[in-house]
Amino acid sequence: MPKRNTVYRWRLSYPDFGEAYQLAVEEHTDALIDEAGEIVDTEQNPQLGKLKADHRRWLASRLNRQKYGDKLDVQHNHTLDITPIISKALERLSNLDMGLPQTKFIEAENSD
């Protein structure tokens, strides 16, 4: 078996090898899930069976997060208009006769 850094270099240098490696990782994670099911069905010691099965499921969730990882979907969209607050602040400053500060408006980028 070649060293880990050699395999990483091959994955980058040879696209066919990279695709075959990715397929092998996916097959490996599927096999881990199958093993976890077999362990639960056949292990005589329930605590040991749970430990072994949980470890295989955890490992599969790290190797293939899209398929076996925890699902976390957070979407938050909110528009905040601070124009009225800025206008009131500028009005208060003008009433103090301190002169208006240089105003520079920056348009926020949409992060979607």
N, C-alpha and C. Protein backbone atom coordinates (compact mmCIF):
# COMPACT_ATOMS: atom_id res chain seq x y z
N MET A 1 0.85 -1.19 0.00
CA MET A 1 0.00 0.00 0.00
C MET A 1 0.89 1.25 0.00
N PRO A 2 0.66 2.17 -0.92
CA PRO A 2 1.47 3.40 -0.95
C PRO A 2 1.12 4.31 0.23
N LYS A 3 2.01 5.24 0.50
CA LYS A 3 1.77 6.18 1.59
C LYS A 3 0.60 7.09 1.23
N ARG A 4 0.01 7.66 2.28
CA ARG A 4 -1.18 8.50 2.12
C ARG A 4 -0.92 9.69 1.20
N ASN A 5 0.21 10.37 1.37
CA ASN A 5 0.46 11.55 0.53
C ASN A 5 0.64 11.17 -0.94
N THR A 6 1.14 9.96 -1.20
CA THR A 6 1.27 9.49 -2.58
C THR A 6 -0.12 9.30 -3.20
N VAL A 7 -1.03 8.73 -2.42
CA VAL A 7 -2.40 8.53 -2.92
C VAL A 7 -3.06 9.88 -3.19
N TYR A 8 -2.88 10.85 -2.30
CA TYR A 8 -3.46 12.18 -2.52
C TYR A 8 -2.90 12.82 -3.78
N ARG A 9 -1.60 12.66 -3.99
CA ARG A 9 -0.98 13.22 -5.19
C ARG A 9 -1.52 12.54 -6.45
N TRP A 10 -1.68 11.21 -6.40
CA TRP A 10 -2.24 10.49 -7.55
C TRP A 10 -3.67 10.94 -7.85
N ARG A 11 -4.45 11.18 -6.78
CA ARG A 11 -5.83 11.62 -6.99
C ARG A 11 -5.88 12.94 -7.76
N LEU A 12 -4.93 13.83 -7.47
CA LEU A 12 -4.90 15.12 -8.15
C LEU A 12 -4.30 15.01 -9.54
N SER A 13 -3.31 14.16 -9.69
CA SER A 13 -2.58 14.07 -10.96
C SER A 13 -3.30 13.24 -12.01
N TYR A 14 -4.02 12.22 -11.57
CA TYR A 14 -4.67 11.30 -12.50
C TYR A 14 -6.18 11.28 -12.23
N PRO A 15 -6.96 12.00 -13.04
CA PRO A 15 -8.41 12.09 -12.79
C PRO A 15 -9.10 10.72 -12.75
N ASP A 16 -8.69 9.78 -13.58
CA ASP A 16 -9.32 8.45 -13.56
C ASP A 16 -9.09 7.77 -12.22
N PHE A 17 -7.88 7.91 -11.70
CA PHE A 17 -7.58 7.34 -10.39
C PHE A 17 -8.42 8.01 -9.30
N GLY A 18 -8.56 9.34 -9.40
CA GLY A 18 -9.36 10.08 -8.42
C GLY A 18 -10.81 9.63 -8.41
N GLU A 19 -11.37 9.40 -9.61
CA GLU A 19 -12.76 8.93 -9.69
C GLU A 19 -12.89 7.52 -9.13
N ALA A 20 -11.92 6.66 -9.44
CA ALA A 20 -11.95 5.29 -8.92
C ALA A 20 -11.80 5.29 -7.39
N TYR A 21 -10.95 6.17 -6.88
CA TYR A 21 -10.76 6.29 -5.44
C TYR A 21 -12.06 6.73 -4.76
N GLN A 22 -12.72 7.73 -5.34
CA GLN A 22 -13.98 8.22 -4.78
C GLN A 22 -15.04 7.13 -4.78
N LEU A 23 -15.12 6.37 -5.84
CA LEU A 23 -16.07 5.25 -5.91
C LEU A 23 -15.74 4.21 -4.83
N ALA A 24 -14.45 3.95 -4.63
CA ALA A 24 -14.05 2.98 -3.60
C ALA A 24 -14.43 3.47 -2.21
N VAL A 25 -14.30 4.76 -1.95
CA VAL A 25 -14.69 5.31 -0.64
C VAL A 25 -16.19 5.17 -0.44
N GLU A 26 -16.97 5.44 -1.48
CA GLU A 26 -18.43 5.29 -1.39
C GLU A 26 -18.81 3.84 -1.13
N GLU A 27 -18.16 2.92 -1.82
CA GLU A 27 -18.44 1.49 -1.60
C GLU A 27 -18.04 1.07 -0.19
N HIS A 28 -16.93 1.61 0.30
CA HIS A 28 -16.47 1.30 1.65
C HIS A 28 -17.49 1.77 2.70
N THR A 29 -18.02 2.99 2.52
CA THR A 29 -18.99 3.48 3.49
C THR A 29 -20.27 2.66 3.45
N ASP A 30 -20.69 2.24 2.27
CA ASP A 30 -21.87 1.37 2.18
C ASP A 30 -21.61 0.04 2.89
N ALA A 31 -20.39 -0.49 2.75
CA ALA A 31 -20.04 -1.74 3.42
C ALA A 31 -20.03 -1.57 4.94
N LEU A 32 -19.57 -0.40 5.41
CA LEU A 32 -19.57 -0.14 6.86
C LEU A 32 -20.99 -0.15 7.41
N ILE A 33 -21.92 0.44 6.69
CA ILE A 33 -23.32 0.45 7.12
C ILE A 33 -23.88 -0.96 7.13
N ASP A 34 -23.56 -1.75 6.11
CA ASP A 34 -24.01 -3.15 6.07
C ASP A 34 -23.44 -3.92 7.25
N GLU A 35 -22.16 -3.71 7.56
CA GLU A 35 -21.53 -4.39 8.70
C GLU A 35 -22.22 -4.01 10.00
N ALA A 36 -22.58 -2.74 10.14
CA ALA A 36 -23.25 -2.30 11.37
C ALA A 36 -24.55 -3.06 11.56
N GLY A 37 -25.29 -3.25 10.48
CA GLY A 37 -26.54 -4.02 10.58
C GLY A 37 -26.29 -5.47 10.96
N GLU A 38 -25.27 -6.08 10.39
CA GLU A 38 -24.94 -7.47 10.71
C GLU A 38 -24.51 -7.60 12.17
N ILE A 39 -23.73 -6.65 12.65
CA ILE A 39 -23.26 -6.69 14.03
C ILE A 39 -24.44 -6.63 14.99
N VAL A 40 -25.38 -5.74 14.73
CA VAL A 40 -26.55 -5.62 15.60
C VAL A 40 -27.34 -6.92 15.61
N ASP A 41 -27.42 -7.59 14.46
CA ASP A 41 -28.20 -8.83 14.38
C ASP A 41 -27.49 -10.03 15.00
N THR A 42 -26.15 -10.03 15.02
CA THR A 42 -25.44 -11.25 15.41
C THR A 42 -24.66 -11.16 16.72
N GLU A 43 -24.35 -9.98 17.19
CA GLU A 43 -23.52 -9.86 18.40
C GLU A 43 -24.28 -10.34 19.63
N GLN A 44 -23.63 -11.19 20.42
CA GLN A 44 -24.25 -11.75 21.62
C GLN A 44 -24.32 -10.72 22.75
N ASN A 45 -23.29 -9.90 22.86
CA ASN A 45 -23.25 -8.88 23.90
C ASN A 45 -23.87 -7.60 23.35
N PRO A 46 -25.03 -7.18 23.85
CA PRO A 46 -25.71 -6.01 23.29
C PRO A 46 -24.90 -4.72 23.39
N GLN A 47 -24.19 -4.54 24.50
CA GLN A 47 -23.40 -3.32 24.66
C GLN A 47 -22.25 -3.28 23.66
N LEU A 48 -21.57 -4.39 23.48
CA LEU A 48 -20.49 -4.46 22.52
C LEU A 48 -21.01 -4.29 21.09
N GLY A 49 -22.16 -4.89 20.81
CA GLY A 49 -22.77 -4.74 19.49
C GLY A 49 -23.12 -3.30 19.18
N LYS A 50 -23.68 -2.61 20.17
CA LYS A 50 -24.02 -1.20 19.97
C LYS A 50 -22.76 -0.37 19.74
N LEU A 51 -21.72 -0.63 20.51
CA LEU A 51 -20.47 0.10 20.37
C LEU A 51 -19.87 -0.10 18.98
N LYS A 52 -19.79 -1.34 18.53
CA LYS A 52 -19.22 -1.64 17.21
C LYS A 52 -20.06 -1.02 16.10
N ALA A 53 -21.37 -1.18 16.18
CA ALA A 53 -22.26 -0.65 15.13
C ALA A 53 -22.20 0.88 15.10
N ASP A 54 -22.23 1.51 16.27
CA ASP A 54 -22.17 2.97 16.32
C ASP A 54 -20.87 3.49 15.73
N HIS A 55 -19.77 2.80 16.01
CA HIS A 55 -18.49 3.24 15.45
C HIS A 55 -18.50 3.15 13.93
N ARG A 56 -19.05 2.10 13.38
CA ARG A 56 -19.09 1.97 11.92
C ARG A 56 -20.01 3.03 11.30
N ARG A 57 -21.12 3.32 11.94
CA ARG A 57 -22.02 4.37 11.43
C ARG A 57 -21.34 5.74 11.52
N TRP A 58 -20.63 5.97 12.62
CA TRP A 58 -19.92 7.24 12.78
C TRP A 58 -18.86 7.39 11.69
N LEU A 59 -18.08 6.34 11.47
CA LEU A 59 -17.04 6.38 10.44
C LEU A 59 -17.65 6.61 9.06
N ALA A 60 -18.75 5.95 8.76
CA ALA A 60 -19.42 6.16 7.47
C ALA A 60 -19.91 7.60 7.34
N SER A 61 -20.38 8.19 8.44
CA SER A 61 -20.86 9.57 8.37
C SER A 61 -19.74 10.55 8.11
N ARG A 62 -18.51 10.20 8.49
CA ARG A 62 -17.36 11.07 8.23
C ARG A 62 -16.79 10.85 6.83
N LEU A 63 -16.87 9.64 6.34
CA LEU A 63 -16.33 9.36 5.02
C LEU A 63 -17.25 9.82 3.89
N ASN A 64 -18.56 9.80 4.14
CA ASN A 64 -19.52 10.21 3.11
C ASN A 64 -20.61 11.04 3.80
N ARG A 65 -20.29 12.32 4.02
CA ARG A 65 -21.21 13.20 4.77
C ARG A 65 -22.53 13.43 4.04
N GLN A 66 -22.49 13.48 2.70
CA GLN A 66 -23.72 13.74 1.97
C GLN A 66 -24.73 12.62 2.16
N LYS A 67 -24.27 11.41 2.20
CA LYS A 67 -25.18 10.27 2.27
C LYS A 67 -25.50 9.85 3.71
N TYR A 68 -24.49 9.82 4.58
CA TYR A 68 -24.68 9.28 5.92
C TYR A 68 -24.45 10.30 7.04
N GLY A 69 -24.08 11.52 6.71
CA GLY A 69 -23.81 12.52 7.73
C GLY A 69 -25.10 13.09 8.31
N ASP A 70 -24.96 13.79 9.42
CA ASP A 70 -26.10 14.44 10.04
C ASP A 70 -26.62 15.53 9.12
N LYS A 71 -27.91 15.60 9.00
CA LYS A 71 -28.53 16.59 8.12
C LYS A 71 -28.81 17.86 8.92
N LEU A 72 -28.24 18.95 8.48
CA LEU A 72 -28.45 20.23 9.13
C LEU A 72 -28.74 21.24 8.03
N ASP A 73 -29.94 21.73 7.98
CA ASP A 73 -30.34 22.67 6.94
C ASP A 73 -30.82 23.95 7.61
N VAL A 74 -30.00 24.98 7.55
CA VAL A 74 -30.35 26.25 8.16
C VAL A 74 -30.42 27.29 7.06
N GLN A 75 -31.58 27.88 6.90
CA GLN A 75 -31.75 28.94 5.93
C GLN A 75 -32.34 30.14 6.65
N HIS A 76 -31.72 31.27 6.47
CA HIS A 76 -32.20 32.48 7.13
C HIS A 76 -32.07 33.63 6.15
N ASN A 77 -33.18 34.22 5.81
CA ASN A 77 -33.19 35.38 4.93
C ASN A 77 -33.92 36.51 5.65
N HIS A 78 -33.26 37.64 5.75
CA HIS A 78 -33.87 38.78 6.41
C HIS A 78 -33.30 40.05 5.79
N THR A 79 -34.17 40.97 5.48
CA THR A 79 -33.76 42.25 4.92
C THR A 79 -33.92 43.31 6.01
N LEU A 80 -32.88 44.08 6.18
CA LEU A 80 -32.88 45.11 7.21
C LEU A 80 -32.66 46.46 6.52
N ASP A 81 -33.61 47.36 6.70
CA ASP A 81 -33.51 48.69 6.10
C ASP A 81 -33.19 49.68 7.21
N ILE A 82 -31.99 50.24 7.18
CA ILE A 82 -31.58 51.19 8.22
C ILE A 82 -31.63 52.64 7.73
N THR A 83 -32.19 52.86 6.56
CA THR A 83 -32.27 54.21 6.00
C THR A 83 -33.00 55.18 6.93
N PRO A 84 -34.17 54.81 7.51
CA PRO A 84 -34.84 55.77 8.40
C PRO A 84 -34.00 56.11 9.64
N ILE A 85 -33.29 55.17 10.16
CA ILE A 85 -32.47 55.43 11.35
C ILE A 85 -31.32 56.37 11.01
N ILE A 86 -30.70 56.14 9.87
CA ILE A 86 -29.60 57.02 9.43
C ILE A 86 -30.12 58.43 9.19
N SER A 87 -31.30 58.53 8.57
CA SER A 87 -31.88 59.85 8.30
C SER A 87 -32.15 60.61 9.59
N LYS A 88 -32.71 59.93 10.59
CA LYS A 88 -32.98 60.59 11.88
C LYS A 88 -31.68 61.01 12.57
N ALA A 89 -30.66 60.15 12.49
CA ALA A 89 -29.38 60.50 13.10
C ALA A 89 -28.77 61.72 12.42
N LEU A 90 -28.82 61.77 11.11
CA LEU A 90 -28.29 62.94 10.38
C LEU A 90 -29.09 64.19 10.71
N GLU A 91 -30.39 64.04 10.89
CA GLU A 91 -31.24 65.19 11.25
C GLU A 91 -30.85 65.70 12.63
N ARG A 92 -30.62 64.79 13.58
CA ARG A 92 -30.21 65.21 14.93
C ARG A 92 -28.84 65.91 14.88
N LEU A 93 -27.93 65.39 14.06
CA LEU A 93 -26.62 66.04 13.95
C LEU A 93 -26.74 67.44 13.35
N SER A 94 -27.61 67.61 12.39
CA SER A 94 -27.76 68.94 11.78
C SER A 94 -28.37 69.92 12.78
N ASN A 95 -29.21 69.44 13.69
CA ASN A 95 -29.79 70.31 14.72
C ASN A 95 -28.74 70.74 15.74
N LEU A 96 -27.66 69.99 15.88
CA LEU A 96 -26.60 70.34 16.83
C LEU A 96 -25.62 71.34 16.24
N ASP A 97 -25.77 71.69 14.98
CA ASP A 97 -24.88 72.62 14.27
C ASP A 97 -23.43 72.16 14.30
N MET A 98 -23.22 70.88 14.21
CA MET A 98 -21.86 70.35 14.18
C MET A 98 -21.42 70.07 12.75
N GLY A 99 -22.28 70.25 11.82
CA GLY A 99 -21.96 69.93 10.44
C GLY A 99 -22.23 68.45 10.19
N LEU A 100 -22.54 68.14 8.98
CA LEU A 100 -22.86 66.75 8.65
C LEU A 100 -21.58 65.99 8.31
N PRO A 101 -21.50 64.76 8.77
CA PRO A 101 -20.32 63.95 8.41
C PRO A 101 -20.39 63.55 6.95
N GLN A 102 -19.24 63.19 6.42
CA GLN A 102 -19.21 62.70 5.05
C GLN A 102 -19.99 61.39 4.99
N THR A 103 -20.96 61.32 4.11
CA THR A 103 -21.79 60.12 4.00
C THR A 103 -21.29 59.26 2.86
N LYS A 104 -21.14 58.00 3.15
CA LYS A 104 -20.71 57.06 2.12
C LYS A 104 -21.57 55.81 2.29
N PHE A 105 -22.39 55.54 1.30
CA PHE A 105 -23.26 54.39 1.36
C PHE A 105 -22.58 53.20 0.69
N ILE A 106 -22.62 52.08 1.36
CA ILE A 106 -22.02 50.86 0.83
C ILE A 106 -23.14 49.86 0.61
N GLU A 107 -23.24 49.38 -0.60
CA GLU A 107 -24.26 48.39 -0.94
C GLU A 107 -23.78 47.01 -0.49
N ALA A 108 -24.59 46.35 0.30
CA ALA A 108 -24.22 45.01 0.80
C ALA A 108 -24.34 44.00 -0.33
N GLU A 109 -23.46 42.99 -0.29
CA GLU A 109 -23.51 41.93 -1.28
C GLU A 109 -24.48 40.87 -0.82
N ASN A 110 -25.16 40.25 -1.77
CA ASN A 110 -26.06 39.15 -1.46
C ASN A 110 -25.24 37.90 -1.31
N SER A 111 -25.37 37.20 -0.17
CA SER A 111 -24.55 36.02 0.10
C SER A 111 -25.21 34.73 -0.37
N ASP A 112 -26.30 34.82 -1.09
CA ASP A 112 -26.98 33.59 -1.56
C ASP A 112 -26.23 32.97 -2.63
